[in-house]
Amino acid sequence: MKETALNPPRKVLLVDDDRLVLATLCKGLEQAGYAVQGCASAEEARRILAIERPDIAVLDLRMPGESGLDLARQLIEPPSVPFLFLTAYSEEEVVRQAVEQGALGYLVKPVDLAQLIPAIEAALARSIEIGSLRNTGQQLQTALNENREVSMAVGLMMERRRLNRQQAFEVLRNLARAQRRKIGEVAEELLSAAELLNADKPQ
């Protein structure tokens, strides 16, 4: 992963109370091109998080004092940081708790770089996808709240094309982008066309 001005290294926060594991994984990730900040406790990680925001955090699940689960509760608060869990335990209950906390991945120790790097990249990609979906959902709600025509056009597409609300909004938004027009204008045009078609139908 070569660093360039356009492609800065991914910032990884790695938290593990096993200092040997921490040092080994930090060194390996740095050699792979990541900018790594290693912490031996959740308390130390909180001090880092107060100063800067990593692209992703890799958390040891069970540590003395605050656990990885405790730290994860801070990471899900805006501005959120995607995270993976590392643990020496593979009990079902622990996995369930990790997923419920919002983990984008889960690796059972011992972990090597051949496992960790793909898991980090997959979690980062998933995080971008989730952010995009969340942003689209917010845009949809804003458009529907602000524009009656958009809301009606979305409903029309849902009915005609058998789409759900978000899919219908995506179609409408893509049409507006393709035509370089405002979404409200495209919605109004679609509704006018639908009215004409209905008017032409025999009674």
N, C-alpha and C. Protein backbone atom coordinates (compact mmCIF):
# COMPACT_ATOMS: atom_id res chain seq x y z
N MET A 1 0.86 -1.19 0.00
CA MET A 1 0.00 0.00 0.00
C MET A 1 0.88 1.23 0.00
N LYS A 2 1.19 1.72 -1.17
CA LYS A 2 2.13 2.84 -1.32
C LYS A 2 1.44 4.14 -0.97
N GLU A 3 2.13 4.95 -0.15
CA GLU A 3 1.57 6.24 0.26
C GLU A 3 1.83 7.28 -0.82
N THR A 4 0.84 8.04 -1.16
CA THR A 4 0.98 9.17 -2.08
C THR A 4 0.21 10.34 -1.51
N ALA A 5 0.41 11.53 -2.11
CA ALA A 5 -0.31 12.71 -1.64
C ALA A 5 -1.82 12.53 -1.81
N LEU A 6 -2.19 11.80 -2.89
CA LEU A 6 -3.61 11.59 -3.15
C LEU A 6 -4.16 10.39 -2.39
N ASN A 7 -3.27 9.51 -1.94
CA ASN A 7 -3.70 8.30 -1.26
C ASN A 7 -2.92 8.14 0.03
N PRO A 8 -3.25 8.95 1.06
CA PRO A 8 -2.52 8.86 2.33
C PRO A 8 -2.77 7.52 3.00
N PRO A 9 -1.86 7.10 3.88
CA PRO A 9 -2.04 5.79 4.53
C PRO A 9 -3.28 5.76 5.41
N ARG A 10 -3.91 4.59 5.46
CA ARG A 10 -5.06 4.40 6.35
C ARG A 10 -4.57 4.45 7.80
N LYS A 11 -5.32 5.18 8.64
CA LYS A 11 -4.94 5.27 10.06
C LYS A 11 -5.66 4.18 10.86
N VAL A 12 -4.88 3.34 11.50
CA VAL A 12 -5.42 2.22 12.27
C VAL A 12 -5.10 2.42 13.75
N LEU A 13 -6.12 2.33 14.60
CA LEU A 13 -5.92 2.32 16.05
C LEU A 13 -6.00 0.86 16.49
N LEU A 14 -4.90 0.35 17.04
CA LEU A 14 -4.83 -1.05 17.46
C LEU A 14 -4.74 -1.10 18.98
N VAL A 15 -5.68 -1.78 19.63
CA VAL A 15 -5.74 -1.82 21.09
C VAL A 15 -5.69 -3.26 21.57
N ASP A 16 -4.63 -3.60 22.31
CA ASP A 16 -4.47 -4.97 22.82
C ASP A 16 -3.59 -4.92 24.07
N ASP A 17 -4.04 -5.55 25.15
CA ASP A 17 -3.25 -5.52 26.38
C ASP A 17 -2.05 -6.46 26.34
N ASP A 18 -1.98 -7.36 25.36
CA ASP A 18 -0.82 -8.22 25.18
C ASP A 18 0.21 -7.44 24.37
N ARG A 19 1.25 -6.96 25.06
CA ARG A 19 2.20 -6.05 24.42
C ARG A 19 2.99 -6.71 23.29
N LEU A 20 3.23 -8.01 23.39
CA LEU A 20 3.94 -8.71 22.33
C LEU A 20 3.08 -8.76 21.06
N VAL A 21 1.79 -9.12 21.22
CA VAL A 21 0.86 -9.14 20.10
C VAL A 21 0.74 -7.73 19.51
N LEU A 22 0.62 -6.73 20.39
CA LEU A 22 0.48 -5.34 19.96
C LEU A 22 1.68 -4.90 19.11
N ALA A 23 2.88 -5.17 19.61
CA ALA A 23 4.09 -4.77 18.90
C ALA A 23 4.22 -5.48 17.57
N THR A 24 3.90 -6.78 17.55
CA THR A 24 4.04 -7.57 16.33
C THR A 24 3.07 -7.10 15.25
N LEU A 25 1.80 -6.90 15.64
CA LEU A 25 0.80 -6.48 14.66
C LEU A 25 1.03 -5.04 14.20
N CYS A 26 1.43 -4.16 15.13
CA CYS A 26 1.73 -2.77 14.75
C CYS A 26 2.85 -2.73 13.71
N LYS A 27 3.91 -3.48 13.97
CA LYS A 27 5.05 -3.49 13.05
C LYS A 27 4.64 -4.02 11.68
N GLY A 28 3.88 -5.12 11.67
CA GLY A 28 3.44 -5.71 10.42
C GLY A 28 2.54 -4.78 9.62
N LEU A 29 1.61 -4.11 10.32
CA LEU A 29 0.69 -3.18 9.63
C LEU A 29 1.45 -1.97 9.08
N GLU A 30 2.42 -1.49 9.85
CA GLU A 30 3.23 -0.35 9.37
C GLU A 30 4.00 -0.74 8.11
N GLN A 31 4.56 -1.95 8.12
CA GLN A 31 5.30 -2.42 6.94
C GLN A 31 4.37 -2.59 5.73
N ALA A 32 3.10 -2.85 6.01
CA ALA A 32 2.12 -3.00 4.93
C ALA A 32 1.60 -1.64 4.44
N GLY A 33 2.05 -0.56 5.08
CA GLY A 33 1.69 0.77 4.59
C GLY A 33 0.64 1.51 5.38
N TYR A 34 0.22 0.96 6.53
CA TYR A 34 -0.76 1.64 7.37
C TYR A 34 -0.07 2.58 8.36
N ALA A 35 -0.77 3.63 8.78
CA ALA A 35 -0.30 4.49 9.86
C ALA A 35 -0.95 3.96 11.14
N VAL A 36 -0.15 3.38 12.02
CA VAL A 36 -0.71 2.64 13.16
C VAL A 36 -0.40 3.33 14.49
N GLN A 37 -1.42 3.40 15.32
CA GLN A 37 -1.26 3.88 16.69
C GLN A 37 -1.61 2.72 17.61
N GLY A 38 -0.64 2.21 18.35
CA GLY A 38 -0.87 1.07 19.24
C GLY A 38 -1.14 1.50 20.66
N CYS A 39 -2.12 0.88 21.30
CA CYS A 39 -2.46 1.19 22.70
C CYS A 39 -2.63 -0.12 23.46
N ALA A 40 -2.16 -0.12 24.72
CA ALA A 40 -2.24 -1.34 25.52
C ALA A 40 -3.48 -1.38 26.42
N SER A 41 -4.33 -0.35 26.35
CA SER A 41 -5.54 -0.33 27.18
C SER A 41 -6.58 0.57 26.53
N ALA A 42 -7.82 0.37 26.96
CA ALA A 42 -8.91 1.22 26.46
C ALA A 42 -8.73 2.66 26.93
N GLU A 43 -8.19 2.82 28.15
CA GLU A 43 -7.97 4.17 28.68
C GLU A 43 -6.97 4.93 27.82
N GLU A 44 -5.90 4.25 27.42
CA GLU A 44 -4.89 4.87 26.56
C GLU A 44 -5.50 5.21 25.19
N ALA A 45 -6.34 4.31 24.68
CA ALA A 45 -6.98 4.54 23.39
C ALA A 45 -7.89 5.76 23.44
N ARG A 46 -8.58 5.96 24.56
CA ARG A 46 -9.46 7.13 24.70
C ARG A 46 -8.67 8.43 24.59
N ARG A 47 -7.46 8.44 25.14
CA ARG A 47 -6.62 9.64 25.06
C ARG A 47 -6.26 9.94 23.60
N ILE A 48 -5.98 8.88 22.83
CA ILE A 48 -5.67 9.05 21.41
C ILE A 48 -6.89 9.56 20.66
N LEU A 49 -8.05 8.97 20.95
CA LEU A 49 -9.30 9.34 20.26
C LEU A 49 -9.71 10.79 20.53
N ALA A 50 -9.27 11.31 21.67
CA ALA A 50 -9.57 12.70 21.99
C ALA A 50 -8.78 13.67 21.11
N ILE A 51 -7.68 13.17 20.53
CA ILE A 51 -6.80 14.01 19.72
C ILE A 51 -7.06 13.82 18.23
N GLU A 52 -7.21 12.55 17.81
CA GLU A 52 -7.41 12.30 16.37
C GLU A 52 -8.37 11.14 16.14
N ARG A 53 -8.89 11.09 14.92
CA ARG A 53 -9.87 10.07 14.55
C ARG A 53 -9.23 9.11 13.56
N PRO A 54 -9.08 7.83 13.93
CA PRO A 54 -8.53 6.86 12.98
C PRO A 54 -9.56 6.47 11.93
N ASP A 55 -9.09 5.84 10.85
CA ASP A 55 -10.02 5.33 9.83
C ASP A 55 -10.71 4.07 10.32
N ILE A 56 -10.03 3.32 11.19
CA ILE A 56 -10.60 2.08 11.72
C ILE A 56 -9.88 1.73 13.02
N ALA A 57 -10.60 1.05 13.92
CA ALA A 57 -10.01 0.58 15.17
C ALA A 57 -10.08 -0.94 15.23
N VAL A 58 -9.03 -1.55 15.74
CA VAL A 58 -8.99 -2.99 15.96
C VAL A 58 -8.83 -3.19 17.46
N LEU A 59 -9.85 -3.76 18.09
CA LEU A 59 -9.93 -3.79 19.55
C LEU A 59 -9.85 -5.20 20.12
N ASP A 60 -8.98 -5.38 21.11
CA ASP A 60 -8.99 -6.62 21.88
C ASP A 60 -10.27 -6.60 22.71
N LEU A 61 -11.01 -7.69 22.67
CA LEU A 61 -12.32 -7.70 23.32
C LEU A 61 -12.20 -7.72 24.84
N ARG A 62 -11.31 -8.56 25.35
CA ARG A 62 -11.19 -8.71 26.81
C ARG A 62 -9.85 -8.13 27.27
N MET A 63 -9.93 -7.09 28.09
CA MET A 63 -8.73 -6.45 28.64
C MET A 63 -8.99 -6.10 30.10
N PRO A 64 -7.93 -6.01 30.92
CA PRO A 64 -8.11 -5.55 32.30
C PRO A 64 -8.68 -4.13 32.30
N GLY A 65 -9.51 -3.82 33.27
CA GLY A 65 -10.14 -2.50 33.29
C GLY A 65 -11.25 -2.46 32.25
N GLU A 66 -11.27 -1.42 31.44
CA GLU A 66 -12.29 -1.31 30.40
C GLU A 66 -12.04 -2.32 29.29
N SER A 67 -13.12 -2.95 28.83
CA SER A 67 -13.00 -3.94 27.76
C SER A 67 -13.11 -3.28 26.39
N GLY A 68 -12.87 -4.07 25.36
CA GLY A 68 -13.08 -3.59 24.00
C GLY A 68 -14.52 -3.20 23.75
N LEU A 69 -15.45 -3.94 24.38
CA LEU A 69 -16.88 -3.60 24.25
C LEU A 69 -17.17 -2.22 24.83
N ASP A 70 -16.54 -1.92 25.97
CA ASP A 70 -16.72 -0.60 26.59
C ASP A 70 -16.23 0.51 25.65
N LEU A 71 -15.06 0.28 25.06
CA LEU A 71 -14.48 1.28 24.16
C LEU A 71 -15.33 1.42 22.89
N ALA A 72 -15.89 0.31 22.43
CA ALA A 72 -16.70 0.34 21.20
C ALA A 72 -17.92 1.24 21.37
N ARG A 73 -18.44 1.35 22.58
CA ARG A 73 -19.60 2.21 22.80
C ARG A 73 -19.28 3.67 22.50
N GLN A 74 -18.02 4.06 22.71
CA GLN A 74 -17.60 5.41 22.36
C GLN A 74 -17.44 5.54 20.84
N LEU A 75 -16.95 4.49 20.21
CA LEU A 75 -16.66 4.54 18.77
C LEU A 75 -17.92 4.65 17.91
N ILE A 76 -19.05 4.16 18.43
CA ILE A 76 -20.28 4.22 17.62
C ILE A 76 -20.96 5.59 17.71
N GLU A 77 -20.48 6.44 18.63
CA GLU A 77 -21.04 7.79 18.75
C GLU A 77 -20.45 8.67 17.65
N PRO A 78 -21.27 9.57 17.05
CA PRO A 78 -20.76 10.45 15.99
C PRO A 78 -19.62 11.33 16.51
N PRO A 79 -18.55 11.59 15.73
CA PRO A 79 -18.32 10.95 14.42
C PRO A 79 -17.82 9.52 14.64
N SER A 80 -18.55 8.55 14.16
CA SER A 80 -18.26 7.15 14.47
C SER A 80 -16.97 6.67 13.79
N VAL A 81 -16.38 5.64 14.39
CA VAL A 81 -15.17 4.99 13.86
C VAL A 81 -15.50 3.52 13.65
N PRO A 82 -15.34 2.97 12.44
CA PRO A 82 -15.59 1.54 12.25
C PRO A 82 -14.59 0.72 13.06
N PHE A 83 -15.01 -0.46 13.50
CA PHE A 83 -14.09 -1.26 14.33
C PHE A 83 -14.28 -2.76 14.12
N LEU A 84 -13.17 -3.47 14.41
CA LEU A 84 -13.12 -4.93 14.44
C LEU A 84 -12.76 -5.36 15.84
N PHE A 85 -13.12 -6.58 16.20
CA PHE A 85 -12.71 -7.12 17.49
C PHE A 85 -11.70 -8.26 17.32
N LEU A 86 -10.73 -8.30 18.23
CA LEU A 86 -9.81 -9.43 18.36
C LEU A 86 -10.08 -10.08 19.71
N THR A 87 -10.08 -11.38 19.77
CA THR A 87 -10.28 -12.04 21.05
C THR A 87 -9.68 -13.43 21.04
N ALA A 88 -9.31 -13.88 22.22
CA ALA A 88 -8.82 -15.26 22.36
C ALA A 88 -9.98 -16.20 22.62
N TYR A 89 -11.18 -15.64 22.66
CA TYR A 89 -12.37 -16.44 22.96
C TYR A 89 -13.27 -16.51 21.73
N SER A 90 -13.93 -17.66 21.57
CA SER A 90 -14.81 -17.78 20.40
C SER A 90 -16.22 -18.22 20.80
N GLU A 91 -16.60 -17.95 22.05
CA GLU A 91 -17.95 -18.32 22.49
C GLU A 91 -19.01 -17.56 21.70
N GLU A 92 -20.10 -18.24 21.49
CA GLU A 92 -21.21 -17.65 20.74
C GLU A 92 -21.70 -16.35 21.36
N GLU A 93 -21.79 -16.32 22.68
CA GLU A 93 -22.32 -15.15 23.37
C GLU A 93 -21.43 -13.93 23.13
N VAL A 94 -20.10 -14.14 23.13
CA VAL A 94 -19.17 -13.04 22.91
C VAL A 94 -19.31 -12.51 21.49
N VAL A 95 -19.44 -13.43 20.53
CA VAL A 95 -19.63 -13.04 19.13
C VAL A 95 -20.91 -12.22 19.00
N ARG A 96 -21.97 -12.67 19.65
CA ARG A 96 -23.26 -11.97 19.58
C ARG A 96 -23.13 -10.56 20.13
N GLN A 97 -22.47 -10.43 21.27
CA GLN A 97 -22.28 -9.10 21.87
C GLN A 97 -21.48 -8.18 20.95
N ALA A 98 -20.45 -8.74 20.33
CA ALA A 98 -19.60 -7.94 19.43
C ALA A 98 -20.40 -7.42 18.25
N VAL A 99 -21.21 -8.28 17.66
CA VAL A 99 -22.02 -7.89 16.50
C VAL A 99 -23.06 -6.86 16.91
N GLU A 100 -23.70 -7.07 18.05
CA GLU A 100 -24.70 -6.13 18.54
C GLU A 100 -24.09 -4.75 18.81
N GLN A 101 -22.82 -4.75 19.19
CA GLN A 101 -22.14 -3.49 19.48
C GLN A 101 -21.79 -2.73 18.19
N GLY A 102 -21.91 -3.43 17.04
CA GLY A 102 -21.65 -2.75 15.77
C GLY A 102 -20.36 -3.14 15.10
N ALA A 103 -19.72 -4.21 15.58
CA ALA A 103 -18.45 -4.64 14.98
C ALA A 103 -18.63 -5.02 13.51
N LEU A 104 -17.67 -4.61 12.67
CA LEU A 104 -17.71 -4.95 11.25
C LEU A 104 -16.87 -6.19 10.95
N GLY A 105 -16.32 -6.79 11.99
CA GLY A 105 -15.55 -8.01 11.81
C GLY A 105 -15.14 -8.56 13.16
N TYR A 106 -14.69 -9.81 13.16
CA TYR A 106 -14.39 -10.51 14.41
C TYR A 106 -13.33 -11.56 14.11
N LEU A 107 -12.18 -11.47 14.75
CA LEU A 107 -11.09 -12.42 14.53
C LEU A 107 -10.69 -13.06 15.85
N VAL A 108 -10.51 -14.37 15.81
CA VAL A 108 -10.10 -15.11 17.01
C VAL A 108 -8.59 -15.26 17.01
N LYS A 109 -7.96 -14.92 18.14
CA LYS A 109 -6.51 -15.05 18.27
C LYS A 109 -6.11 -16.53 18.27
N PRO A 110 -4.89 -16.86 17.86
CA PRO A 110 -3.85 -15.95 17.36
C PRO A 110 -4.16 -15.45 15.96
N VAL A 111 -3.91 -14.16 15.74
CA VAL A 111 -4.20 -13.52 14.46
C VAL A 111 -2.89 -13.15 13.77
N ASP A 112 -2.80 -13.45 12.48
CA ASP A 112 -1.62 -13.00 11.73
C ASP A 112 -2.05 -11.96 10.70
N LEU A 113 -1.06 -11.34 10.08
CA LEU A 113 -1.35 -10.25 9.12
C LEU A 113 -2.14 -10.74 7.92
N ALA A 114 -1.93 -12.00 7.53
CA ALA A 114 -2.65 -12.55 6.38
C ALA A 114 -4.16 -12.59 6.64
N GLN A 115 -4.55 -12.64 7.91
CA GLN A 115 -5.97 -12.58 8.28
C GLN A 115 -6.42 -11.14 8.53
N LEU A 116 -5.55 -10.39 9.23
CA LEU A 116 -5.93 -9.07 9.71
C LEU A 116 -6.10 -8.05 8.58
N ILE A 117 -5.17 -8.01 7.64
CA ILE A 117 -5.23 -6.99 6.58
C ILE A 117 -6.49 -7.13 5.73
N PRO A 118 -6.83 -8.33 5.23
CA PRO A 118 -8.10 -8.45 4.48
C PRO A 118 -9.32 -8.07 5.33
N ALA A 119 -9.28 -8.40 6.63
CA ALA A 119 -10.40 -8.06 7.51
C ALA A 119 -10.53 -6.54 7.66
N ILE A 120 -9.39 -5.85 7.77
CA ILE A 120 -9.40 -4.38 7.88
C ILE A 120 -9.96 -3.77 6.59
N GLU A 121 -9.48 -4.24 5.44
CA GLU A 121 -9.92 -3.68 4.16
C GLU A 121 -11.41 -3.95 3.91
N ALA A 122 -11.87 -5.15 4.28
CA ALA A 122 -13.28 -5.49 4.12
C ALA A 122 -14.15 -4.61 5.02
N ALA A 123 -13.69 -4.38 6.24
CA ALA A 123 -14.45 -3.55 7.19
C ALA A 123 -14.50 -2.09 6.71
N LEU A 124 -13.39 -1.59 6.17
CA LEU A 124 -13.37 -0.22 5.64
C LEU A 124 -14.34 -0.07 4.47
N ALA A 125 -14.33 -1.07 3.57
CA ALA A 125 -15.25 -1.03 2.42
C ALA A 125 -16.70 -1.08 2.89
N ARG A 126 -16.97 -1.93 3.87
CA ARG A 126 -18.33 -2.05 4.40
C ARG A 126 -18.76 -0.75 5.08
N SER A 127 -17.83 -0.11 5.76
CA SER A 127 -18.12 1.14 6.45
C SER A 127 -18.51 2.23 5.45
N ILE A 128 -17.80 2.30 4.32
CA ILE A 128 -18.11 3.28 3.27
C ILE A 128 -19.50 3.00 2.70
N GLU A 129 -19.79 1.72 2.49
CA GLU A 129 -21.10 1.32 1.95
C GLU A 129 -22.23 1.71 2.90
N ILE A 130 -22.03 1.45 4.19
CA ILE A 130 -23.04 1.79 5.19
C ILE A 130 -23.24 3.30 5.25
N GLY A 131 -22.12 4.06 5.20
CA GLY A 131 -22.20 5.51 5.22
C GLY A 131 -22.96 6.06 4.03
N SER A 132 -22.73 5.45 2.86
CA SER A 132 -23.42 5.88 1.64
C SER A 132 -24.92 5.62 1.74
N LEU A 133 -25.28 4.44 2.25
CA LEU A 133 -26.70 4.10 2.42
C LEU A 133 -27.37 5.04 3.41
N ARG A 134 -26.64 5.34 4.49
CA ARG A 134 -27.20 6.24 5.51
C ARG A 134 -27.41 7.64 4.93
N ASN A 135 -26.42 8.08 4.12
CA ASN A 135 -26.51 9.40 3.50
C ASN A 135 -27.69 9.47 2.51
N THR A 136 -27.85 8.38 1.72
CA THR A 136 -28.97 8.32 0.78
C THR A 136 -30.31 8.36 1.51
N GLY A 137 -30.37 7.64 2.63
CA GLY A 137 -31.60 7.63 3.42
C GLY A 137 -31.93 9.01 3.96
N GLN A 138 -30.90 9.76 4.38
CA GLN A 138 -31.12 11.11 4.89
C GLN A 138 -31.57 12.04 3.77
N GLN A 139 -30.95 11.88 2.58
CA GLN A 139 -31.35 12.70 1.44
C GLN A 139 -32.80 12.42 1.05
N LEU A 140 -33.16 11.15 1.08
CA LEU A 140 -34.53 10.76 0.75
C LEU A 140 -35.51 11.42 1.70
N GLN A 141 -35.23 11.33 3.00
CA GLN A 141 -36.15 11.89 3.98
C GLN A 141 -36.27 13.40 3.83
N THR A 142 -35.12 14.05 3.59
CA THR A 142 -35.13 15.51 3.41
C THR A 142 -35.95 15.90 2.19
N ALA A 143 -35.74 15.17 1.08
CA ALA A 143 -36.47 15.47 -0.15
C ALA A 143 -37.97 15.26 0.04
N LEU A 144 -38.32 14.18 0.71
CA LEU A 144 -39.75 13.90 0.92
C LEU A 144 -40.39 14.92 1.85
N ASN A 145 -39.62 15.36 2.83
CA ASN A 145 -40.15 16.36 3.76
C ASN A 145 -40.35 17.71 3.09
N GLU A 146 -39.42 18.04 2.17
CA GLU A 146 -39.42 19.38 1.59
C GLU A 146 -40.26 19.50 0.32
N ASN A 147 -40.52 18.41 -0.35
CA ASN A 147 -41.09 18.52 -1.68
C ASN A 147 -42.22 17.52 -1.89
N ARG A 148 -43.42 18.04 -1.99
CA ARG A 148 -44.59 17.18 -2.18
C ARG A 148 -44.51 16.42 -3.50
N GLU A 149 -44.02 17.10 -4.56
CA GLU A 149 -43.93 16.46 -5.87
C GLU A 149 -42.98 15.27 -5.85
N VAL A 150 -41.85 15.43 -5.16
CA VAL A 150 -40.88 14.33 -5.06
C VAL A 150 -41.53 13.14 -4.36
N SER A 151 -42.23 13.41 -3.27
CA SER A 151 -42.89 12.36 -2.53
C SER A 151 -43.91 11.61 -3.39
N MET A 152 -44.68 12.38 -4.17
CA MET A 152 -45.69 11.76 -5.03
C MET A 152 -45.04 10.96 -6.17
N ALA A 153 -43.94 11.52 -6.73
CA ALA A 153 -43.24 10.81 -7.81
C ALA A 153 -42.61 9.51 -7.31
N VAL A 154 -42.07 9.54 -6.09
CA VAL A 154 -41.51 8.33 -5.49
C VAL A 154 -42.61 7.28 -5.32
N GLY A 155 -43.78 7.72 -4.84
CA GLY A 155 -44.91 6.81 -4.70
C GLY A 155 -45.35 6.22 -6.03
N LEU A 156 -45.33 7.05 -7.07
CA LEU A 156 -45.71 6.59 -8.41
C LEU A 156 -44.75 5.51 -8.90
N MET A 157 -43.44 5.75 -8.70
CA MET A 157 -42.45 4.76 -9.13
C MET A 157 -42.54 3.47 -8.32
N MET A 158 -42.83 3.61 -7.06
CA MET A 158 -43.00 2.42 -6.22
C MET A 158 -44.12 1.54 -6.77
N GLU A 159 -45.21 2.20 -7.17
CA GLU A 159 -46.37 1.47 -7.69
C GLU A 159 -46.09 0.89 -9.08
N ARG A 160 -45.55 1.72 -9.99
CA ARG A 160 -45.36 1.30 -11.38
C ARG A 160 -44.25 0.26 -11.53
N ARG A 161 -43.16 0.45 -10.78
CA ARG A 161 -41.99 -0.42 -10.97
C ARG A 161 -41.82 -1.45 -9.86
N ARG A 162 -42.75 -1.45 -8.93
CA ARG A 162 -42.69 -2.39 -7.80
C ARG A 162 -41.36 -2.28 -7.04
N LEU A 163 -41.02 -1.05 -6.67
CA LEU A 163 -39.79 -0.78 -5.94
C LEU A 163 -40.12 -0.39 -4.50
N ASN A 164 -39.12 -0.50 -3.61
CA ASN A 164 -39.35 0.04 -2.28
C ASN A 164 -39.05 1.54 -2.31
N ARG A 165 -39.29 2.22 -1.21
CA ARG A 165 -39.19 3.68 -1.18
C ARG A 165 -37.80 4.18 -1.55
N GLN A 166 -36.77 3.55 -0.98
CA GLN A 166 -35.41 4.01 -1.24
C GLN A 166 -34.99 3.74 -2.68
N GLN A 167 -35.36 2.57 -3.22
CA GLN A 167 -35.03 2.25 -4.61
C GLN A 167 -35.69 3.25 -5.56
N ALA A 168 -36.94 3.59 -5.29
CA ALA A 168 -37.66 4.54 -6.14
C ALA A 168 -37.00 5.92 -6.10
N PHE A 169 -36.57 6.33 -4.90
CA PHE A 169 -35.88 7.61 -4.78
C PHE A 169 -34.56 7.60 -5.55
N GLU A 170 -33.83 6.47 -5.49
CA GLU A 170 -32.56 6.35 -6.22
C GLU A 170 -32.79 6.52 -7.72
N VAL A 171 -33.84 5.89 -8.25
CA VAL A 171 -34.15 6.00 -9.68
C VAL A 171 -34.41 7.47 -10.04
N LEU A 172 -35.21 8.13 -9.22
CA LEU A 172 -35.55 9.54 -9.46
C LEU A 172 -34.30 10.42 -9.38
N ARG A 173 -33.47 10.17 -8.39
CA ARG A 173 -32.26 10.97 -8.22
C ARG A 173 -31.30 10.76 -9.39
N ASN A 174 -31.16 9.52 -9.84
CA ASN A 174 -30.28 9.22 -10.97
C ASN A 174 -30.78 9.88 -12.26
N LEU A 175 -32.10 9.91 -12.45
CA LEU A 175 -32.67 10.60 -13.60
C LEU A 175 -32.32 12.08 -13.58
N ALA A 176 -32.45 12.68 -12.40
CA ALA A 176 -32.14 14.11 -12.25
C ALA A 176 -30.67 14.38 -12.53
N ARG A 177 -29.80 13.50 -12.02
CA ARG A 177 -28.36 13.68 -12.25
C ARG A 177 -28.02 13.54 -13.74
N ALA A 178 -28.62 12.53 -14.38
CA ALA A 178 -28.34 12.29 -15.79
C ALA A 178 -28.76 13.49 -16.64
N GLN A 179 -29.84 14.14 -16.25
CA GLN A 179 -30.35 15.29 -17.01
C GLN A 179 -29.82 16.63 -16.48
N ARG A 180 -29.01 16.53 -15.40
CA ARG A 180 -28.45 17.73 -14.77
C ARG A 180 -29.55 18.74 -14.40
N ARG A 181 -30.56 18.20 -13.77
CA ARG A 181 -31.69 19.02 -13.35
C ARG A 181 -31.98 18.77 -11.88
N LYS A 182 -32.78 19.65 -11.31
CA LYS A 182 -33.18 19.46 -9.92
C LYS A 182 -34.16 18.30 -9.83
N ILE A 183 -34.08 17.58 -8.72
CA ILE A 183 -34.93 16.40 -8.54
C ILE A 183 -36.42 16.79 -8.53
N GLY A 184 -36.72 17.97 -8.00
CA GLY A 184 -38.10 18.44 -7.96
C GLY A 184 -38.68 18.66 -9.35
N GLU A 185 -37.85 19.17 -10.27
CA GLU A 185 -38.30 19.40 -11.65
C GLU A 185 -38.62 18.08 -12.34
N VAL A 186 -37.73 17.09 -12.16
CA VAL A 186 -37.94 15.78 -12.78
C VAL A 186 -39.20 15.13 -12.21
N ALA A 187 -39.39 15.26 -10.91
CA ALA A 187 -40.57 14.69 -10.26
C ALA A 187 -41.85 15.30 -10.82
N GLU A 188 -41.83 16.63 -10.97
CA GLU A 188 -43.01 17.34 -11.50
C GLU A 188 -43.33 16.88 -12.93
N GLU A 189 -42.27 16.69 -13.73
CA GLU A 189 -42.45 16.25 -15.12
C GLU A 189 -43.05 14.85 -15.17
N LEU A 190 -42.55 13.96 -14.30
CA LEU A 190 -43.08 12.59 -14.26
C LEU A 190 -44.56 12.58 -13.88
N LEU A 191 -44.91 13.40 -12.91
CA LEU A 191 -46.30 13.46 -12.47
C LEU A 191 -47.21 14.00 -13.58
N SER A 192 -46.71 15.02 -14.33
CA SER A 192 -47.48 15.57 -15.45
C SER A 192 -47.70 14.52 -16.53
N ALA A 193 -46.63 13.76 -16.83
CA ALA A 193 -46.73 12.70 -17.84
C ALA A 193 -47.74 11.64 -17.39
N ALA A 194 -47.72 11.30 -16.10
CA ALA A 194 -48.65 10.30 -15.58
C ALA A 194 -50.09 10.79 -15.68
N GLU A 195 -50.29 12.08 -15.42
CA GLU A 195 -51.64 12.66 -15.52
C GLU A 195 -52.15 12.62 -16.95
N LEU A 196 -51.24 12.93 -17.91
CA LEU A 196 -51.64 12.86 -19.33
C LEU A 196 -52.03 11.47 -19.75
N LEU A 197 -51.24 10.48 -19.29
CA LEU A 197 -51.54 9.08 -19.62
C LEU A 197 -52.89 8.68 -19.03
N ASN A 198 -53.16 9.10 -17.83
CA ASN A 198 -54.43 8.76 -17.18
C ASN A 198 -55.60 9.44 -17.89
N ALA A 199 -55.35 10.69 -18.34
CA ALA A 199 -56.42 11.43 -19.04
C ALA A 199 -56.76 10.79 -20.37
N ASP A 200 -55.77 10.15 -21.02
CA ASP A 200 -55.99 9.51 -22.33
C ASP A 200 -56.68 8.16 -22.24
N LYS A 201 -56.70 7.61 -21.03
CA LYS A 201 -57.32 6.29 -20.87
C LYS A 201 -58.83 6.40 -21.05
N PRO A 202 -59.47 5.44 -21.74
CA PRO A 202 -60.93 5.47 -21.87
C PRO A 202 -61.59 5.31 -20.51
N GLN A 203 -62.63 6.07 -20.31
CA GLN A 203 -63.34 6.01 -19.01
C GLN A 203 -64.24 4.78 -18.96
